[in-house]
């Protein structure tokens, strides 16, 4: 079965917290990897997300360690929507 990873960058204007994160994350731009697998039909091809990972710390933040943390895409979408509210 074919698989792929797509990368996006998300922006948070304010500090945020995702479920299962121990600490508040600072505002900034974060790289997110989406792992997907192919779903093949007789006449079509679609992709199903099987995992998502956020890279910590944010892009441009200096630090001695960087990590890639698994996240629930729905939790990320909810946090981004909350960040857009005044």
PDB file of N, CA and C in Angstrom:
ATOM      1  N   UNK A   1       0.843  -1.176   0.000  1.00  0.00           N
ATOM      2  CA  UNK A   1       0.000   0.000   0.000  1.00  0.00           C
ATOM      3  C   UNK A   1       0.889   1.240   0.000  1.00  0.00           C
ATOM      4  N   UNK A   2       0.540   2.202  -0.823  1.00  0.00           N
ATOM      5  CA  UNK A   2       1.323   3.429  -0.936  1.00  0.00           C
ATOM      6  C   UNK A   2       1.027   4.351   0.242  1.00  0.00           C
ATOM      7  N   UNK A   3       2.052   5.092   0.643  1.00  0.00           N
ATOM      8  CA  UNK A   3       1.866   6.079   1.702  1.00  0.00           C
ATOM      9  C   UNK A   3       2.660   7.327   1.352  1.00  0.00           C
ATOM     10  N   UNK A   4       2.298   8.440   2.030  1.00  0.00           N
ATOM     11  CA  UNK A   4       3.012   9.685   1.803  1.00  0.00           C
ATOM     12  C   UNK A   4       2.946  10.529   3.076  1.00  0.00           C
ATOM     13  N   UNK A   5       3.851  11.474   3.154  1.00  0.00           N
ATOM     14  CA  UNK A   5       3.850  12.453   4.237  1.00  0.00           C
ATOM     15  C   UNK A   5       3.818  13.833   3.609  1.00  0.00           C
ATOM     16  N   UNK A   6       2.847  14.633   4.022  1.00  0.00           N
ATOM     17  CA  UNK A   6       2.765  16.009   3.556  1.00  0.00           C
ATOM     18  C   UNK A   6       3.080  16.918   4.739  1.00  0.00           C
ATOM     19  N   UNK A   7       3.711  18.044   4.456  1.00  0.00           N
ATOM     20  CA  UNK A   7       4.082  18.986   5.505  1.00  0.00           C
ATOM     21  C   UNK A   7       3.346  20.298   5.307  1.00  0.00           C
ATOM     22  N   UNK A   8       2.877  20.853   6.416  1.00  0.00           N
ATOM     23  CA  UNK A   8       2.262  22.173   6.408  1.00  0.00           C
ATOM     24  C   UNK A   8       2.869  22.978   7.553  1.00  0.00           C
ATOM     25  N   UNK A   9       2.656  24.270   7.513  1.00  0.00           N
ATOM     26  CA  UNK A   9       3.073  25.141   8.609  1.00  0.00           C
ATOM     27  C   UNK A   9       1.817  25.820   9.136  1.00  0.00           C
ATOM     28  N   UNK A  10       1.609  25.737  10.452  1.00  0.00           N
ATOM     29  CA  UNK A  10       0.465  26.396  11.089  1.00  0.00           C
ATOM     30  C   UNK A  10       0.989  27.538  11.947  1.00  0.00           C
ATOM     31  N   UNK A  11       0.157  28.569  12.118  1.00  0.00           N
ATOM     32  CA  UNK A  11       0.566  29.738  12.899  1.00  0.00           C
ATOM     33  C   UNK A  11      -0.377  29.937  14.078  1.00  0.00           C
ATOM     34  N   UNK A  12       0.213  30.142  15.248  1.00  0.00           N
ATOM     35  CA  UNK A  12      -0.525  30.495  16.451  1.00  0.00           C
ATOM     36  C   UNK A  12      -0.131  31.904  16.845  1.00  0.00           C
ATOM     37  N   UNK A  13      -1.130  32.776  17.017  1.00  0.00           N
ATOM     38  CA  UNK A  13      -0.887  34.166  17.421  1.00  0.00           C
ATOM     39  C   UNK A  13      -0.658  34.291  18.921  1.00  0.00           C
ATOM     40  N   UNK A  14      -1.156  33.331  19.665  1.00  0.00           N
ATOM     41  CA  UNK A  14      -1.062  33.365  21.124  1.00  0.00           C
ATOM     42  C   UNK A  14      -0.558  32.006  21.609  1.00  0.00           C
ATOM     43  N   UNK A  15      -0.035  31.947  22.832  1.00  0.00           N
ATOM     44  CA  UNK A  15       0.354  30.651  23.393  1.00  0.00           C
ATOM     45  C   UNK A  15      -0.847  29.696  23.379  1.00  0.00           C
ATOM     46  N   UNK A  16      -0.579  28.409  23.247  1.00  0.00           N
ATOM     47  CA  UNK A  16      -1.647  27.417  23.135  1.00  0.00           C
ATOM     48  C   UNK A  16      -1.266  26.132  23.846  1.00  0.00           C
ATOM     49  N   UNK A  17      -2.277  25.337  24.092  1.00  0.00           N
ATOM     50  CA  UNK A  17      -2.065  24.016  24.698  1.00  0.00           C
ATOM     51  C   UNK A  17      -2.929  23.010  23.944  1.00  0.00           C
ATOM     52  N   UNK A  18      -2.363  21.869  23.650  1.00  0.00           N
ATOM     53  CA  UNK A  18      -3.097  20.769  23.051  1.00  0.00           C
ATOM     54  C   UNK A  18      -3.283  19.692  24.112  1.00  0.00           C
ATOM     55  N   UNK A  19      -4.363  18.902  24.019  1.00  0.00           N
ATOM     56  CA  UNK A  19      -4.518  17.800  24.967  1.00  0.00           C
ATOM     57  C   UNK A  19      -3.266  16.915  24.955  1.00  0.00           C
ATOM     58  N   UNK A  20      -2.915  16.427  26.086  1.00  0.00           N
ATOM     59  CA  UNK A  20      -1.742  15.557  26.287  1.00  0.00           C
ATOM     60  C   UNK A  20      -0.416  16.319  26.280  1.00  0.00           C
ATOM     61  N   UNK A  21      -0.431  17.651  26.123  1.00  0.00           N
ATOM     62  CA  UNK A  21       0.788  18.450  26.238  1.00  0.00           C
ATOM     63  C   UNK A  21       0.925  18.866  27.699  1.00  0.00           C
ATOM     64  N   UNK A  22       2.107  18.717  28.254  1.00  0.00           N
ATOM     65  CA  UNK A  22       2.332  19.095  29.638  1.00  0.00           C
ATOM     66  C   UNK A  22       2.471  20.598  29.818  1.00  0.00           C
ATOM     67  N   UNK A  23       2.991  21.270  28.798  1.00  0.00           N
ATOM     68  CA  UNK A  23       3.273  22.691  28.948  1.00  0.00           C
ATOM     69  C   UNK A  23       2.581  23.507  27.872  1.00  0.00           C
ATOM     70  N   UNK A  24       2.411  24.787  28.194  1.00  0.00           N
ATOM     71  CA  UNK A  24       1.881  25.750  27.236  1.00  0.00           C
ATOM     72  C   UNK A  24       2.949  25.991  26.176  1.00  0.00           C
ATOM     73  N   UNK A  25       2.552  25.997  24.912  1.00  0.00           N
ATOM     74  CA  UNK A  25       3.487  26.221  23.812  1.00  0.00           C
ATOM     75  C   UNK A  25       3.433  27.681  23.412  1.00  0.00           C
ATOM     76  N   UNK A  26       4.561  28.282  23.077  1.00  0.00           N
ATOM     77  CA  UNK A  26       4.559  29.700  22.714  1.00  0.00           C
ATOM     78  C   UNK A  26       3.939  29.949  21.336  1.00  0.00           C
ATOM     79  N   UNK A  27       3.476  31.176  21.150  1.00  0.00           N
ATOM     80  CA  UNK A  27       2.964  31.579  19.840  1.00  0.00           C
ATOM     81  C   UNK A  27       4.080  31.418  18.813  1.00  0.00           C
ATOM     82  N   UNK A  28       3.705  31.198  17.563  1.00  0.00           N
ATOM     83  CA  UNK A  28       4.705  31.069  16.501  1.00  0.00           C
ATOM     84  C   UNK A  28       4.228  30.157  15.404  1.00  0.00           C
ATOM     85  N   UNK A  29       5.138  29.847  14.492  1.00  0.00           N
ATOM     86  CA  UNK A  29       4.866  28.953  13.374  1.00  0.00           C
ATOM     87  C   UNK A  29       5.389  27.565  13.714  1.00  0.00           C
ATOM     88  N   UNK A  30       4.585  26.557  13.416  1.00  0.00           N
ATOM     89  CA  UNK A  30       4.936  25.171  13.727  1.00  0.00           C
ATOM     90  C   UNK A  30       4.776  24.313  12.483  1.00  0.00           C
ATOM     91  N   UNK A  31       5.756  23.442  12.236  1.00  0.00           N
ATOM     92  CA  UNK A  31       5.659  22.497  11.128  1.00  0.00           C
ATOM     93  C   UNK A  31       4.842  21.297  11.582  1.00  0.00           C
ATOM     94  N   UNK A  32       3.919  20.856  10.725  1.00  0.00           N
ATOM     95  CA  UNK A  32       3.078  19.699  11.015  1.00  0.00           C
ATOM     96  C   UNK A  32       3.220  18.707   9.867  1.00  0.00           C
ATOM     97  N   UNK A  33       3.487  17.454  10.190  1.00  0.00           N
ATOM     98  CA  UNK A  33       3.570  16.372   9.204  1.00  0.00           C
ATOM     99  C   UNK A  33       2.280  15.558   9.272  1.00  0.00           C
ATOM    100  N   UNK A  34       1.702  15.267   8.099  1.00  0.00           N
ATOM    101  CA  UNK A  34       0.503  14.439   8.007  1.00  0.00           C
ATOM    102  C   UNK A  34       0.879  13.172   7.259  1.00  0.00           C
ATOM    103  N   UNK A  35       0.770  12.025   7.910  1.00  0.00           N
ATOM    104  CA  UNK A  35       1.018  10.732   7.268  1.00  0.00           C
ATOM    105  C   UNK A  35      -0.299  10.214   6.726  1.00  0.00           C
ATOM    106  N   UNK A  36      -0.272   9.788   5.454  1.00  0.00           N
ATOM    107  CA  UNK A  36      -1.481   9.318   4.784  1.00  0.00           C
ATOM    108  C   UNK A  36      -1.183   8.027   4.030  1.00  0.00           C
ATOM    109  N   UNK A  37      -2.227   7.207   3.882  1.00  0.00           N
ATOM    110  CA  UNK A  37      -2.092   6.002   3.072  1.00  0.00           C
ATOM    111  C   UNK A  37      -3.118   6.046   1.952  1.00  0.00           C
ATOM    112  N   UNK A  38      -2.768   5.431   0.853  1.00  0.00           N
ATOM    113  CA  UNK A  38      -3.633   5.438  -0.324  1.00  0.00           C
ATOM    114  C   UNK A  38      -4.802   4.485  -0.155  1.00  0.00           C
ATOM    115  N   UNK A  39      -5.941   4.921  -0.651  1.00  0.00           N
ATOM    116  CA  UNK A  39      -7.134   4.075  -0.760  1.00  0.00           C
ATOM    117  C   UNK A  39      -7.423   4.025  -2.251  1.00  0.00           C
ATOM    118  N   UNK A  40      -7.260   2.851  -2.828  1.00  0.00           N
ATOM    119  CA  UNK A  40      -7.389   2.729  -4.275  1.00  0.00           C
ATOM    120  C   UNK A  40      -8.707   2.065  -4.647  1.00  0.00           C
ATOM    121  N   UNK A  41      -9.422   2.720  -5.536  1.00  0.00           N
ATOM    122  CA  UNK A  41     -10.637   2.149  -6.098  1.00  0.00           C
ATOM    123  C   UNK A  41     -10.356   1.757  -7.540  1.00  0.00           C
ATOM    124  N   UNK A  42     -11.354   1.251  -8.191  1.00  0.00           N
ATOM    125  CA  UNK A  42     -11.193   0.835  -9.586  1.00  0.00           C
ATOM    126  C   UNK A  42     -10.877   2.021 -10.490  1.00  0.00           C
ATOM    127  N   UNK A  43     -11.462   3.196 -10.185  1.00  0.00           N
ATOM    128  CA  UNK A  43     -11.294   4.349 -11.058  1.00  0.00           C
ATOM    129  C   UNK A  43     -10.824   5.597 -10.323  1.00  0.00           C
ATOM    130  N   UNK A  44     -10.432   5.471  -9.080  1.00  0.00           N
ATOM    131  CA  UNK A  44     -10.061   6.659  -8.310  1.00  0.00           C
ATOM    132  C   UNK A  44      -8.980   6.324  -7.283  1.00  0.00           C
ATOM    133  N   UNK A  45      -8.369   7.357  -6.783  1.00  0.00           N
ATOM    134  CA  UNK A  45      -7.356   7.229  -5.734  1.00  0.00           C
ATOM    135  C   UNK A  45      -7.643   8.309  -4.691  1.00  0.00           C
ATOM    136  N   UNK A  46      -7.669   7.926  -3.448  1.00  0.00           N
ATOM    137  CA  UNK A  46      -7.890   8.880  -2.353  1.00  0.00           C
ATOM    138  C   UNK A  46      -6.844   8.615  -1.284  1.00  0.00           C
ATOM    139  N   UNK A  47      -6.689   9.576  -0.378  1.00  0.00           N
ATOM    140  CA  UNK A  47      -5.722   9.445   0.707  1.00  0.00           C
ATOM    141  C   UNK A  47      -6.436   9.556   2.039  1.00  0.00           C
ATOM    142  N   UNK A  48      -6.066   8.681   2.971  1.00  0.00           N
ATOM    143  CA  UNK A  48      -6.633   8.687   4.319  1.00  0.00           C
ATOM    144  C   UNK A  48      -5.528   9.017   5.308  1.00  0.00           C
ATOM    145  N   UNK A  49      -5.799  10.001   6.165  1.00  0.00           N
ATOM    146  CA  UNK A  49      -4.810  10.397   7.169  1.00  0.00           C
ATOM    147  C   UNK A  49      -4.716   9.316   8.235  1.00  0.00           C
ATOM    148  N   UNK A  50      -3.505   8.876   8.511  1.00  0.00           N
ATOM    149  CA  UNK A  50      -3.301   7.843   9.527  1.00  0.00           C
ATOM    150  C   UNK A  50      -2.494   8.355  10.712  1.00  0.00           C
ATOM    151  N   UNK A  51      -1.979   9.574  10.606  1.00  0.00           N
ATOM    152  CA  UNK A  51      -1.230  10.137  11.721  1.00  0.00           C
ATOM    153  C   UNK A  51      -0.846  11.569  11.447  1.00  0.00           C
ATOM    154  N   UNK A  52      -0.592  12.311  12.513  1.00  0.00           N
ATOM    155  CA  UNK A  52      -0.137  13.692  12.389  1.00  0.00           C
ATOM    156  C   UNK A  52       0.861  13.961  13.508  1.00  0.00           C
ATOM    157  N   UNK A  53       1.853  14.776  13.201  1.00  0.00           N
ATOM    158  CA  UNK A  53       2.921  15.085  14.151  1.00  0.00           C
ATOM    159  C   UNK A  53       3.242  16.567  14.079  1.00  0.00           C
ATOM    160  N   UNK A  54       3.448  17.188  15.232  1.00  0.00           N
ATOM    161  CA  UNK A  54       3.846  18.588  15.283  1.00  0.00           C
ATOM    162  C   UNK A  54       5.294  18.644  15.731  1.00  0.00           C
ATOM    163  N   UNK A  55       6.058  19.535  15.130  1.00  0.00           N
ATOM    164  CA  UNK A  55       7.470  19.699  15.480  1.00  0.00           C
ATOM    165  C   UNK A  55       7.588  20.783  16.544  1.00  0.00           C
ATOM    166  N   UNK A  56       8.247  20.451  17.630  1.00  0.00           N
ATOM    167  CA  UNK A  56       8.477  21.399  18.724  1.00  0.00           C
ATOM    168  C   UNK A  56       9.966  21.604  18.890  1.00  0.00           C
ATOM    169  N   UNK A  57      10.452  22.771  19.209  1.00  0.00           N
ATOM    170  CA  UNK A  57       9.710  24.015  19.394  1.00  0.00           C
ATOM    171  C   UNK A  57       9.329  24.619  18.049  1.00  0.00           C
ATOM    172  N   UNK A  58       8.756  25.825  18.097  1.00  0.00           N
ATOM    173  CA  UNK A  58       8.284  26.477  16.879  1.00  0.00           C
ATOM    174  C   UNK A  58       9.446  26.818  15.959  1.00  0.00           C
ATOM    175  N   UNK A  59       9.130  27.032  14.695  1.00  0.00           N
ATOM    176  CA  UNK A  59      10.131  27.406  13.699  1.00  0.00           C
ATOM    177  C   UNK A  59      10.769  28.729  14.128  1.00  0.00           C
ATOM    178  N   UNK A  60      12.064  28.803  14.073  1.00  0.00           N
ATOM    179  CA  UNK A  60      12.774  30.022  14.430  1.00  0.00           C
ATOM    180  C   UNK A  60      13.145  30.115  15.896  1.00  0.00           C
ATOM    181  N   UNK A  61      12.656  29.189  16.722  1.00  0.00           N
ATOM    182  CA  UNK A  61      13.011  29.193  18.133  1.00  0.00           C
ATOM    183  C   UNK A  61      14.299  28.416  18.309  1.00  0.00           C
ATOM    184  N   UNK A  62      15.226  29.027  18.962  1.00  0.00           N
ATOM    185  CA  UNK A  62      16.492  28.332  19.212  1.00  0.00           C
ATOM    186  C   UNK A  62      16.354  27.450  20.441  1.00  0.00           C
ATOM    187  N   UNK A  63      16.873  26.291  20.321  1.00  0.00           N
ATOM    188  CA  UNK A  63      16.844  25.353  21.434  1.00  0.00           C
ATOM    189  C   UNK A  63      17.793  24.219  21.155  1.00  0.00           C
ATOM    190  N   UNK A  64      18.186  23.548  22.204  1.00  0.00           N
ATOM    191  CA  UNK A  64      19.144  22.459  22.023  1.00  0.00           C
ATOM    192  C   UNK A  64      18.457  21.169  21.588  1.00  0.00           C
ATOM    193  N   UNK A  65      17.148  21.074  21.811  1.00  0.00           N
ATOM    194  CA  UNK A  65      16.435  19.864  21.418  1.00  0.00           C
ATOM    195  C   UNK A  65      15.226  20.206  20.573  1.00  0.00           C
ATOM    196  N   UNK A  66      14.937  19.325  19.646  1.00  0.00           N
ATOM    197  CA  UNK A  66      13.745  19.423  18.821  1.00  0.00           C
ATOM    198  C   UNK A  66      13.078  18.059  18.879  1.00  0.00           C
ATOM    199  N   UNK A  67      11.764  18.061  18.877  1.00  0.00           N
ATOM    200  CA  UNK A  67      11.052  16.794  18.909  1.00  0.00           C
ATOM    201  C   UNK A  67       9.841  16.834  17.994  1.00  0.00           C
ATOM    202  N   UNK A  68       9.424  15.665  17.583  1.00  0.00           N
ATOM    203  CA  UNK A  68       8.245  15.501  16.753  1.00  0.00           C
ATOM    204  C   UNK A  68       7.239  14.737  17.607  1.00  0.00           C
ATOM    205  N   UNK A  69       6.084  15.376  17.897  1.00  0.00           N
ATOM    206  CA  UNK A  69       5.121  14.830  18.840  1.00  0.00           C
ATOM    207  C   UNK A  69       3.839  14.450  18.105  1.00  0.00           C
ATOM    208  N   UNK A  70       3.318  13.230  18.335  1.00  0.00           N
ATOM    209  CA  UNK A  70       2.060  12.857  17.686  1.00  0.00           C
ATOM    210  C   UNK A  70       0.912  13.701  18.229  1.00  0.00           C
ATOM    211  N   UNK A  71      -0.008  14.089  17.340  1.00  0.00           N
ATOM    212  CA  UNK A  71      -1.169  14.870  17.737  1.00  0.00           C
ATOM    213  C   UNK A  71      -2.410  14.345  17.036  1.00  0.00           C
ATOM    214  N   UNK A  72      -3.553  14.668  17.589  1.00  0.00           N
ATOM    215  CA  UNK A  72      -4.825  14.365  16.963  1.00  0.00           C
ATOM    216  C   UNK A  72      -5.161  15.543  16.054  1.00  0.00           C
ATOM    217  N   UNK A  73      -5.354  15.336  14.758  1.00  0.00           N
ATOM    218  CA  UNK A  73      -5.646  16.452  13.857  1.00  0.00           C
ATOM    219  C   UNK A  73      -6.862  17.271  14.285  1.00  0.00           C
ATOM    220  N   UNK A  74      -7.874  16.639  14.867  1.00  0.00           N
ATOM    221  CA  UNK A  74      -9.058  17.369  15.324  1.00  0.00           C
ATOM    222  C   UNK A  74      -8.695  18.317  16.465  1.00  0.00           C
ATOM    223  N   UNK A  75      -7.790  17.903  17.354  1.00  0.00           N
ATOM    224  CA  UNK A  75      -7.340  18.768  18.450  1.00  0.00           C
ATOM    225  C   UNK A  75      -6.574  19.969  17.901  1.00  0.00           C
ATOM    226  N   UNK A  76      -5.758  19.733  16.884  1.00  0.00           N
ATOM    227  CA  UNK A  76      -5.013  20.824  16.266  1.00  0.00           C
ATOM    228  C   UNK A  76      -5.966  21.813  15.598  1.00  0.00           C
ATOM    229  N   UNK A  77      -6.946  21.310  14.872  1.00  0.00           N
ATOM    230  CA  UNK A  77      -7.925  22.185  14.223  1.00  0.00           C
ATOM    231  C   UNK A  77      -8.680  23.017  15.257  1.00  0.00           C
ATOM    232  N   UNK A  78      -9.065  22.401  16.376  1.00  0.00           N
ATOM    233  CA  UNK A  78      -9.792  23.118  17.431  1.00  0.00           C
ATOM    234  C   UNK A  78      -8.908  24.215  18.040  1.00  0.00           C
ATOM    235  N   UNK A  79      -7.637  23.921  18.263  1.00  0.00           N
ATOM    236  CA  UNK A  79      -6.722  24.913  18.837  1.00  0.00           C
ATOM    237  C   UNK A  79      -6.511  26.073  17.871  1.00  0.00           C
ATOM    238  N   UNK A  80      -6.432  25.793  16.580  1.00  0.00           N
ATOM    239  CA  UNK A  80      -6.269  26.860  15.585  1.00  0.00           C
ATOM    240  C   UNK A  80      -7.520  27.730  15.513  1.00  0.00           C
ATOM    241  N   UNK A  81      -8.700  27.126  15.609  1.00  0.00           N
ATOM    242  CA  UNK A  81      -9.944  27.899  15.610  1.00  0.00           C
ATOM    243  C   UNK A  81     -10.006  28.789  16.854  1.00  0.00           C
ATOM    244  N   UNK A  82      -9.625  28.243  18.000  1.00  0.00           N
ATOM    245  CA  UNK A  82      -9.627  29.017  19.247  1.00  0.00           C
ATOM    246  C   UNK A  82      -8.646  30.200  19.133  1.00  0.00           C
ATOM    247  N   UNK A  83      -7.539  29.991  18.468  1.00  0.00           N
ATOM    248  CA  UNK A  83      -6.526  31.043  18.309  1.00  0.00           C
ATOM    249  C   UNK A  83      -7.055  32.191  17.456  1.00  0.00           C
ATOM    250  N   UNK A  84      -7.974  31.932  16.551  1.00  0.00           N
ATOM    251  CA  UNK A  84      -8.530  32.967  15.676  1.00  0.00           C
ATOM    252  C   UNK A  84      -9.527  33.870  16.397  1.00  0.00           C
ATOM    253  N   UNK A  85     -10.074  33.392  17.519  1.00  0.00           N
ATOM    254  CA  UNK A  85     -11.081  34.174  18.245  1.00  0.00           C
ATOM    255  C   UNK A  85     -10.409  35.302  19.027  1.00  0.00           C
ATOM    256  N   UNK A  86     -11.129  36.444  19.134  1.00  0.00           N
ATOM    257  CA  UNK A  86     -10.551  37.592  19.869  1.00  0.00           C
ATOM    258  C   UNK A  86     -10.439  37.335  21.365  1.00  0.00           C
TER     259      UNK A  86
END
